[in-house]
Amino acid sequence: MSQTTSPAQQLVLLGINHNTAPLEVRERIAIPPNRLADATRTLVHQPGIREGLILSTCNRVELLTLQDHSTNTPPDLPRFLHEYFAVEPATLQPHFYEYREREAVRHLFRVASSLDSMVVGEPQILGQVKESYSVAREVGAVAAHLDPLLQRTFTVAKKVRTETQIGSSSVSIASVAVNLAREIFGTLQGKTVLLVGAGKMSELAARHLIQQGASSILVSNRTEARARQMAEQFASSSCATAVIPFDQLYEQANRADIVVTGTGSPDPIFLRSHGVQFQQRRRNRPMFFIDIAVPRDVDPALNTVDGCFVYDIDDLQQSAAANLADRSREAAAAEQIIAEEVAKYQQRLQARGAAPAIVALQRGADSIREAELARLTSKLAAQPLSPAQQEAVEALTRSLTAKLIHPQLAALRKSLTEPAE
């Protein structure tokens, strides 16, 4: 089996995602953007961690690391997660997956290409990987090994999007959620939507809602200036927008037929008691909550209130499954590209590792040749060779040296073109 790093170093990826852990587990270790730099810095300060990157989205938390196993204290990624988030080991341990070396590269390529997403083909994940890379670079967590790997990851993801139709339509968690709302209401024409949180996911949801006919969009955010900016962005002749001050959220939320929440709050902002109040004011007209936040913004108990319908990230998976079936052919083409790119990346790493050996062999042979020429020149000091003779001997020795080391060089170069096992 070929080595992609030095014997003492190893590429290791540990994570949990929507396939291995329910939302109530994932939200325990979700990292908000304002804590990502601190978490990444803390990760690379762990014993045996030389480089690292953390990817935290609504569907996954993954630690990509270059580990040094020659240290007295071996790296322990599960312990880092347990300690950093103060979560009991038994809560997370059953949900972990781990990939090493070649399989870690393959997994990273698949994630960035949206082949491992809940909604296959959604475009947001590549931007999220790039953001994690940017943060890791800022804190000095990626260097000689992870930096080129991540650069290659971005190239592969772009190739998948260019050479397949995996992202041919606008698909995302937000779009799946909006389609679900349309199915429940029949039509979004004339509906009022409240966006709580003015992040990228809420912005994307707003675009889909307007396309589906929503006539009024309300925006509420802790930073009111950001809420006003989003409201102004979507205001048009066919869609009225307004801002609800965050401190008036509970007094005015009942104006909305559909509430889309995507804040970074560590605790729920809508409780069952709020749902009861809303329904009293709405005279039992249905109110639909789409909770795309991790951790969740809406207490699941609110779903028990008559007239309130709550859907969280995991509830969207059933709708996303249909998307996967429609894209199976394109996904297969994308998987083939990933397999080829993983093999190419392994070959590049092998070449990088074997290059010093090739250079050393060539230099060693040339050093012996030059030493023998010098000895010959010393012996012929009384009758030195003419310039023409000297040139002929030089050419002869170079030719002989090249032929003698050719089998060794050929064997080294052949190893670079053989697929890694």
Protein backbone atom coordinates (compact mmCIF):
# COMPACT_ATOMS: atom_id res chain seq x y z
CA MET A 1 0.00 0.00 0.00
CA SER A 2 1.43 3.38 -0.97
CA GLN A 3 2.00 6.12 1.57
CA THR A 4 0.53 9.54 0.90
CA THR A 5 2.38 11.12 3.79
CA SER A 6 5.56 10.28 5.68
CA PRO A 7 5.36 7.06 7.77
CA ALA A 8 4.91 9.06 10.98
CA GLN A 9 2.17 11.28 9.52
CA GLN A 10 -1.31 10.35 8.43
CA LEU A 11 -4.34 12.10 6.95
CA VAL A 12 -7.37 11.40 9.16
CA LEU A 13 -10.96 12.62 8.85
CA LEU A 14 -13.49 12.13 11.67
CA GLY A 15 -17.09 13.25 11.50
CA ILE A 16 -20.80 12.80 12.00
CA ASN A 17 -23.48 13.71 9.47
CA HIS A 18 -27.15 13.41 8.59
CA ASN A 19 -26.67 9.76 7.63
CA THR A 20 -25.07 8.70 10.92
CA ALA A 21 -26.64 10.95 13.57
CA PRO A 22 -30.08 12.48 14.21
CA LEU A 23 -30.49 16.23 14.48
CA GLU A 24 -30.62 16.17 18.30
CA VAL A 25 -27.05 14.80 18.28
CA ARG A 26 -25.67 17.00 15.48
CA GLU A 27 -26.90 20.19 17.09
CA ARG A 28 -24.91 19.40 20.25
CA ILE A 29 -21.63 19.95 18.38
CA ALA A 30 -22.67 22.46 15.71
CA ILE A 31 -20.16 25.31 15.50
CA PRO A 32 -21.52 28.78 14.69
CA PRO A 33 -19.41 30.92 12.33
CA ASN A 34 -18.22 33.19 15.12
CA ARG A 35 -16.68 30.23 16.96
CA LEU A 36 -15.13 28.43 14.00
CA ALA A 37 -11.75 30.18 14.25
CA ASP A 38 -11.44 29.38 17.96
CA ALA A 39 -12.45 25.76 17.43
CA THR A 40 -9.97 25.33 14.56
CA ARG A 41 -7.17 26.93 16.57
CA THR A 42 -7.97 24.66 19.52
CA LEU A 43 -7.97 21.60 17.25
CA VAL A 44 -4.45 22.17 15.89
CA HIS A 45 -3.15 22.74 19.42
CA GLN A 46 -4.12 19.17 20.32
CA PRO A 47 -1.22 16.69 20.78
CA GLY A 48 -0.13 15.14 17.50
CA ILE A 49 -2.23 17.40 15.24
CA ARG A 50 0.00 19.15 12.70
CA GLU A 51 -2.67 20.66 10.43
CA GLY A 52 -6.45 20.81 10.61
CA LEU A 53 -9.75 22.08 9.23
CA ILE A 54 -13.28 21.96 10.65
CA LEU A 55 -16.36 21.80 8.44
CA SER A 56 -19.58 22.53 10.35
CA THR A 57 -22.91 22.77 8.49
CA CYS A 58 -26.52 21.96 9.28
CA ASN A 59 -25.88 18.37 8.17
CA ARG A 60 -22.34 17.58 9.30
CA VAL A 61 -19.40 18.32 11.55
CA GLU A 62 -16.09 16.98 10.21
CA LEU A 63 -12.50 17.30 11.38
CA LEU A 64 -9.86 16.96 8.63
CA THR A 65 -6.40 16.56 10.17
CA LEU A 66 -2.79 15.75 9.41
CA GLN A 67 -1.64 13.70 12.39
CA ASP A 68 1.84 12.95 13.69
CA HIS A 69 1.90 9.53 15.33
CA SER A 70 5.51 9.79 16.47
CA THR A 71 4.52 11.88 19.50
CA ASN A 72 4.27 10.45 23.00
CA THR A 73 0.59 11.44 23.17
CA PRO A 74 -1.33 10.03 20.19
CA PRO A 75 -3.97 12.26 18.55
CA ASP A 76 -7.50 11.75 19.88
CA LEU A 77 -10.16 13.53 17.81
CA PRO A 78 -13.19 12.06 19.66
CA ARG A 79 -11.78 13.35 22.94
CA PHE A 80 -11.36 16.83 21.42
CA LEU A 81 -15.05 16.91 20.47
CA HIS A 82 -16.16 15.56 23.84
CA GLU A 83 -14.12 18.13 25.75
CA TYR A 84 -14.66 21.15 23.50
CA PHE A 85 -18.45 20.78 23.54
CA ALA A 86 -18.76 19.20 27.01
CA VAL A 87 -20.70 16.29 25.55
CA GLU A 88 -20.54 12.81 27.07
CA PRO A 89 -18.54 10.33 24.92
CA ALA A 90 -21.47 7.89 24.83
CA THR A 91 -23.61 10.54 23.11
CA LEU A 92 -21.31 10.91 20.10
CA GLN A 93 -19.31 7.69 19.84
CA PRO A 94 -21.95 5.54 18.06
CA HIS A 95 -22.33 8.15 15.31
CA PHE A 96 -18.72 8.74 14.26
CA TYR A 97 -17.20 7.74 10.93
CA GLU A 98 -13.49 7.87 10.24
CA TYR A 99 -11.51 7.87 7.00
CA ARG A 100 -7.75 7.72 6.53
CA GLU A 101 -5.39 8.59 3.69
CA ARG A 102 -6.91 7.74 0.29
CA GLU A 103 -10.43 7.26 1.68
CA ALA A 104 -10.22 10.61 3.48
CA VAL A 105 -9.30 12.29 0.17
CA ARG A 106 -12.19 10.55 -1.59
CA HIS A 107 -14.65 11.60 1.12
CA LEU A 108 -13.48 15.22 0.98
CA PHE A 109 -13.85 15.30 -2.81
CA ARG A 110 -17.38 13.83 -2.55
CA VAL A 111 -18.47 16.28 0.14
CA ALA A 112 -17.25 19.34 -1.77
CA SER A 113 -18.91 18.02 -4.95
CA SER A 114 -22.23 17.65 -3.11
CA LEU A 115 -22.39 13.87 -3.57
CA ASP A 116 -22.63 13.32 0.20
CA SER A 117 -25.25 16.01 0.81
CA MET A 118 -28.80 15.42 1.99
CA VAL A 119 -29.87 17.13 -1.25
CA VAL A 120 -27.46 15.78 -3.85
CA GLY A 121 -26.26 18.55 -6.12
CA GLU A 122 -27.01 21.46 -3.78
CA PRO A 123 -24.54 24.28 -4.43
CA GLN A 124 -24.03 25.64 -0.89
CA ILE A 125 -21.63 22.99 0.40
CA LEU A 126 -18.68 24.06 -1.77
CA GLY A 127 -18.94 27.59 -0.41
CA GLN A 128 -19.05 26.20 3.12
CA VAL A 129 -15.89 24.14 2.53
CA LYS A 130 -14.17 27.23 1.12
CA GLU A 131 -15.21 29.26 4.16
CA SER A 132 -13.77 26.60 6.49
CA TYR A 133 -10.55 26.65 4.47
CA SER A 134 -10.38 30.45 4.68
CA VAL A 135 -10.77 30.36 8.47
CA ALA A 136 -8.18 27.57 8.79
CA ARG A 137 -5.69 29.58 6.74
CA GLU A 138 -6.28 32.70 8.84
CA VAL A 139 -5.40 30.85 12.05
CA GLY A 140 -2.43 29.05 10.46
CA ALA A 141 -4.02 25.60 10.63
CA VAL A 142 -3.34 24.49 7.04
CA ALA A 143 0.13 24.25 5.55
CA ALA A 144 2.20 22.11 3.19
CA HIS A 145 -0.11 19.08 3.16
CA LEU A 146 -3.71 20.25 3.61
CA ASP A 147 -3.35 23.41 1.53
CA PRO A 148 -2.66 21.66 -1.80
CA LEU A 149 -5.24 18.99 -0.95
CA LEU A 150 -7.96 21.60 -0.45
CA GLN A 151 -6.97 23.50 -3.57
CA ARG A 152 -7.33 20.26 -5.49
CA THR A 153 -10.69 19.64 -3.79
CA PHE A 154 -12.05 22.92 -5.16
CA THR A 155 -10.81 22.05 -8.65
CA VAL A 156 -12.46 18.62 -8.52
CA ALA A 157 -15.78 20.06 -7.30
CA LYS A 158 -15.76 22.57 -10.14
CA LYS A 159 -15.00 19.79 -12.63
CA VAL A 160 -17.94 17.73 -11.35
CA ARG A 161 -20.30 20.69 -11.81
CA THR A 162 -18.89 21.49 -15.25
CA GLU A 163 -18.84 17.97 -16.67
CA THR A 164 -22.11 16.63 -15.22
CA GLN A 165 -25.64 17.93 -14.74
CA ILE A 166 -25.55 17.24 -11.00
CA GLY A 167 -26.31 20.90 -10.27
CA SER A 168 -28.47 21.61 -13.31
CA SER A 169 -31.43 22.92 -11.30
CA SER A 170 -31.47 25.16 -8.27
CA VAL A 171 -31.65 22.64 -5.45
CA SER A 172 -30.92 23.29 -1.80
CA ILE A 173 -32.28 22.62 1.65
CA ALA A 174 -34.12 25.93 1.32
CA SER A 175 -35.70 25.01 -2.02
CA VAL A 176 -36.82 21.61 -0.73
CA ALA A 177 -38.38 23.34 2.29
CA VAL A 178 -40.21 25.83 0.09
CA ASN A 179 -41.51 23.05 -2.15
CA LEU A 180 -42.82 21.29 0.95
CA ALA A 181 -44.62 24.47 2.00
CA ARG A 182 -46.20 24.71 -1.45
CA GLU A 183 -47.41 21.12 -1.19
CA ILE A 184 -49.04 21.80 2.19
CA PHE A 185 -50.70 25.13 1.26
CA GLY A 186 -51.42 24.20 -2.35
CA THR A 187 -50.12 27.59 -3.44
CA LEU A 188 -47.96 30.30 -1.94
CA GLN A 189 -49.84 33.03 -3.81
CA GLY A 190 -50.83 35.75 -1.34
CA LYS A 191 -49.00 34.13 1.58
CA THR A 192 -47.03 36.13 4.15
CA VAL A 193 -43.61 34.79 5.06
CA LEU A 194 -41.52 35.66 8.11
CA LEU A 195 -37.76 35.13 7.89
CA VAL A 196 -36.17 34.90 11.33
CA GLY A 197 -32.43 35.26 10.84
CA ALA A 198 -30.90 37.05 7.88
CA GLY A 199 -28.18 34.59 6.89
CA LYS A 200 -27.45 32.97 3.54
CA MET A 201 -29.97 30.16 3.99
CA SER A 202 -32.75 32.61 4.85
CA GLU A 203 -31.81 34.73 1.84
CA LEU A 204 -31.95 31.69 -0.41
CA ALA A 205 -35.31 30.68 1.05
CA ALA A 206 -36.64 34.18 0.35
CA ARG A 207 -35.66 33.92 -3.31
CA HIS A 208 -37.51 30.62 -3.70
CA LEU A 209 -40.56 31.90 -1.83
CA ILE A 210 -40.84 34.94 -4.08
CA GLN A 211 -40.49 32.74 -7.16
CA GLN A 212 -43.38 30.63 -5.86
CA GLY A 213 -45.65 33.65 -5.44
CA ALA A 214 -45.26 34.81 -1.84
CA SER A 215 -46.67 38.35 -1.76
CA SER A 216 -45.30 39.61 1.54
CA ILE A 217 -42.00 38.96 3.31
CA LEU A 218 -41.27 40.03 6.87
CA VAL A 219 -37.70 39.94 8.16
CA SER A 220 -36.56 39.81 11.78
CA ASN A 221 -32.95 39.63 12.91
CA ARG A 222 -31.03 40.48 16.05
CA THR A 223 -29.02 42.95 13.98
CA GLU A 224 -31.82 45.13 12.64
CA ALA A 225 -29.63 46.82 10.03
CA ARG A 226 -29.07 43.44 8.39
CA ALA A 227 -32.80 42.75 8.45
CA ARG A 228 -33.49 46.09 6.74
CA GLN A 229 -30.84 45.35 4.14
CA MET A 230 -32.50 42.04 3.27
CA ALA A 231 -35.97 43.57 3.23
CA GLU A 232 -34.84 46.29 0.83
CA GLN A 233 -33.11 43.71 -1.35
CA PHE A 234 -36.33 41.77 -2.00
CA ALA A 235 -38.84 44.63 -2.14
CA SER A 236 -40.61 44.87 -5.50
CA SER A 237 -43.93 45.78 -7.06
CA SER A 238 -45.13 42.18 -6.61
CA CYS A 239 -43.69 41.57 -3.15
CA ALA A 240 -44.03 43.88 -0.14
CA THR A 241 -41.37 43.62 2.55
CA ALA A 242 -41.11 44.89 6.10
CA VAL A 243 -38.92 44.53 9.18
CA ILE A 244 -40.09 43.24 12.54
CA PRO A 245 -37.79 44.40 15.37
CA PHE A 246 -36.42 41.35 17.10
CA ASP A 247 -37.78 42.49 20.47
CA GLN A 248 -41.28 42.51 18.91
CA LEU A 249 -40.97 39.06 17.32
CA TYR A 250 -43.50 37.30 19.55
CA GLU A 251 -46.04 40.13 19.28
CA GLN A 252 -45.98 40.13 15.46
CA ALA A 253 -44.98 36.63 14.31
CA ASN A 254 -48.62 35.57 14.07
CA ARG A 255 -48.90 37.81 10.95
CA ALA A 256 -47.04 35.11 9.01
CA ASP A 257 -48.46 32.03 7.33
CA ILE A 258 -44.97 30.59 6.92
CA VAL A 259 -42.06 31.12 9.32
CA VAL A 260 -38.56 30.24 8.11
CA THR A 261 -36.00 30.19 10.93
CA GLY A 262 -32.25 30.07 10.43
CA THR A 263 -30.56 31.81 13.34
CA GLY A 264 -27.42 30.85 15.24
CA SER A 265 -29.20 30.75 18.59
CA PRO A 266 -27.95 27.97 20.92
CA ASP A 267 -31.48 27.57 22.32
CA PRO A 268 -34.96 27.41 20.72
CA ILE A 269 -36.54 30.82 20.12
CA PHE A 270 -40.06 29.47 19.45
CA LEU A 271 -41.62 27.34 22.21
CA ARG A 272 -44.94 25.49 22.43
CA SER A 273 -46.43 28.35 24.45
CA HIS A 274 -45.67 30.75 21.59
CA GLY A 275 -47.54 28.49 19.17
CA VAL A 276 -50.61 28.54 21.41
CA GLN A 277 -50.52 32.36 21.49
CA PHE A 278 -50.07 32.59 17.72
CA GLN A 279 -53.02 30.31 17.01
CA GLN A 280 -55.30 32.25 19.33
CA ARG A 281 -54.49 35.45 17.42
CA ARG A 282 -54.77 33.73 14.03
CA ARG A 283 -58.11 32.14 14.93
CA ASN A 284 -56.67 28.71 14.16
CA ARG A 285 -55.53 29.51 10.63
CA PRO A 286 -52.56 27.15 9.82
CA MET A 287 -49.07 28.35 10.57
CA PHE A 288 -46.13 26.53 8.97
CA PHE A 289 -42.64 26.54 10.54
CA ILE A 290 -39.59 25.57 8.46
CA ASP A 291 -36.67 25.27 10.88
CA ILE A 292 -33.43 25.16 8.88
CA ALA A 293 -31.25 26.01 11.87
CA VAL A 294 -28.80 23.75 13.68
CA PRO A 295 -29.19 23.89 16.65
CA ARG A 296 -32.94 24.06 16.15
CA ASP A 297 -34.81 27.36 16.53
CA VAL A 298 -38.21 25.73 17.05
CA ASP A 299 -39.02 23.45 19.98
CA PRO A 300 -40.40 20.19 18.49
CA ALA A 301 -43.23 20.38 21.07
CA LEU A 302 -44.70 23.30 19.12
CA ASN A 303 -45.77 20.71 16.53
CA THR A 304 -48.36 19.43 19.04
CA VAL A 305 -50.29 22.71 18.86
CA ASP A 306 -53.36 22.40 16.62
CA GLY A 307 -52.80 24.40 13.45
CA CYS A 308 -49.00 24.56 13.82
CA PHE A 309 -46.85 22.45 11.51
CA VAL A 310 -43.12 22.20 12.25
CA TYR A 311 -40.49 20.75 9.91
CA ASP A 312 -36.80 20.65 10.74
CA ILE A 313 -33.72 19.73 8.72
CA ASP A 314 -34.17 15.98 9.18
CA ASP A 315 -37.83 16.17 8.18
CA LEU A 316 -36.69 17.47 4.80
CA GLN A 317 -34.76 14.28 4.06
CA GLN A 318 -37.79 12.44 2.67
CA SER A 319 -38.33 15.20 0.12
CA ALA A 320 -34.65 15.19 -0.69
CA ALA A 321 -34.72 11.45 -1.42
CA ALA A 322 -36.81 12.08 -4.56
CA ASN A 323 -34.14 14.48 -5.75
CA LEU A 324 -31.49 11.76 -5.37
CA ALA A 325 -33.52 9.33 -7.48
CA ASP A 326 -33.89 11.90 -10.25
CA ARG A 327 -30.16 12.54 -10.29
CA SER A 328 -28.85 9.00 -9.97
CA ARG A 329 -27.40 8.95 -13.49
CA GLU A 330 -25.59 12.25 -13.03
CA ALA A 331 -24.42 11.15 -9.59
CA ALA A 332 -22.88 8.01 -11.13
CA ALA A 333 -20.97 10.14 -13.65
CA ALA A 334 -19.80 12.40 -10.84
CA GLU A 335 -18.63 9.39 -8.79
CA GLN A 336 -16.51 8.25 -11.75
CA ILE A 337 -14.86 11.67 -11.93
CA ILE A 338 -14.17 11.51 -8.18
CA ALA A 339 -12.56 8.06 -8.50
CA GLU A 340 -10.29 9.25 -11.31
CA GLU A 341 -9.32 12.41 -9.45
CA VAL A 342 -8.50 10.49 -6.27
CA ALA A 343 -6.17 8.22 -8.27
CA LYS A 344 -4.51 11.24 -9.88
CA TYR A 345 -4.04 12.91 -6.52
CA GLN A 346 -2.45 9.77 -5.08
CA GLN A 347 -0.08 9.63 -8.04
CA ARG A 348 0.92 13.25 -7.47
CA LEU A 349 1.69 12.48 -3.84
CA GLN A 350 3.70 9.42 -4.85
CA ALA A 351 5.61 11.49 -7.38
CA ARG A 352 6.32 14.11 -4.76
CA GLY A 353 7.62 11.39 -2.43
CA ALA A 354 9.71 9.59 -5.08
CA ALA A 355 11.20 12.69 -6.69
CA PRO A 356 13.95 13.07 -4.05
CA ALA A 357 14.95 9.42 -4.57
CA ILE A 358 15.22 9.93 -8.34
CA VAL A 359 17.29 13.08 -7.90
CA ALA A 360 19.52 11.39 -5.31
CA LEU A 361 20.13 8.42 -7.60
CA GLN A 362 21.04 10.65 -10.54
CA ARG A 363 23.29 12.85 -8.43
CA GLY A 364 25.00 9.86 -6.83
CA ALA A 365 25.73 8.23 -10.17
CA ASP A 366 27.02 11.50 -11.63
CA SER A 367 29.22 12.06 -8.59
CA ILE A 368 30.84 8.63 -9.09
CA ARG A 369 31.32 9.36 -12.78
CA GLU A 370 33.01 12.69 -12.09
CA ALA A 371 35.26 11.13 -9.45
CA GLU A 372 36.39 8.44 -11.89
CA LEU A 373 37.03 11.04 -14.60
CA ALA A 374 39.14 13.05 -12.16
CA ARG A 375 41.17 9.94 -11.30
CA LEU A 376 41.72 9.23 -15.00
CA THR A 377 42.78 12.82 -15.66
CA SER A 378 45.31 12.59 -12.78
CA LYS A 379 46.86 9.40 -14.20
CA LEU A 380 47.18 10.98 -17.64
CA ALA A 381 48.77 14.17 -16.33
CA ALA A 382 52.00 13.48 -18.25
CA GLN A 383 50.12 12.95 -21.49
CA PRO A 384 46.82 14.87 -21.12
CA LEU A 385 43.92 14.20 -23.43
CA SER A 386 43.22 16.63 -26.23
CA PRO A 387 39.98 18.66 -25.97
CA ALA A 388 38.35 16.38 -28.54
CA GLN A 389 39.41 13.27 -26.61
CA GLN A 390 38.25 14.81 -23.34
CA GLU A 391 34.83 15.53 -24.88
CA ALA A 392 34.58 11.97 -26.24
CA VAL A 393 35.41 10.43 -22.84
CA GLU A 394 32.90 12.77 -21.15
CA ALA A 395 30.17 11.70 -23.57
CA LEU A 396 31.06 8.01 -23.16
CA THR A 397 30.91 8.13 -19.35
CA ARG A 398 27.61 9.99 -19.36
CA SER A 399 26.13 7.43 -21.73
CA LEU A 400 27.37 4.49 -19.68
CA THR A 401 26.10 6.04 -16.43
CA ALA A 402 22.68 6.69 -17.92
CA LYS A 403 22.40 3.11 -19.15
CA LEU A 404 23.55 1.66 -15.82
CA ILE A 405 20.98 3.55 -13.72
CA HIS A 406 18.17 3.33 -16.29
CA PRO A 407 16.60 0.16 -14.79
CA GLN A 408 16.43 1.77 -11.33
CA LEU A 409 14.97 5.02 -12.68
CA ALA A 410 12.45 3.12 -14.81
CA ALA A 411 11.30 1.12 -11.77
CA LEU A 412 10.83 4.30 -9.72
CA ARG A 413 8.90 6.06 -12.47
CA LYS A 414 6.73 3.01 -13.08
CA SER A 415 5.70 3.02 -9.42
CA LEU A 416 4.35 6.54 -9.92
CA THR A 417 1.97 5.49 -12.69
CA GLU A 418 0.59 2.41 -10.96
CA PRO A 419 -2.72 2.99 -9.15
CA ALA A 420 -2.38 3.24 -5.40
CA GLU A 421 -3.86 0.31 -3.52
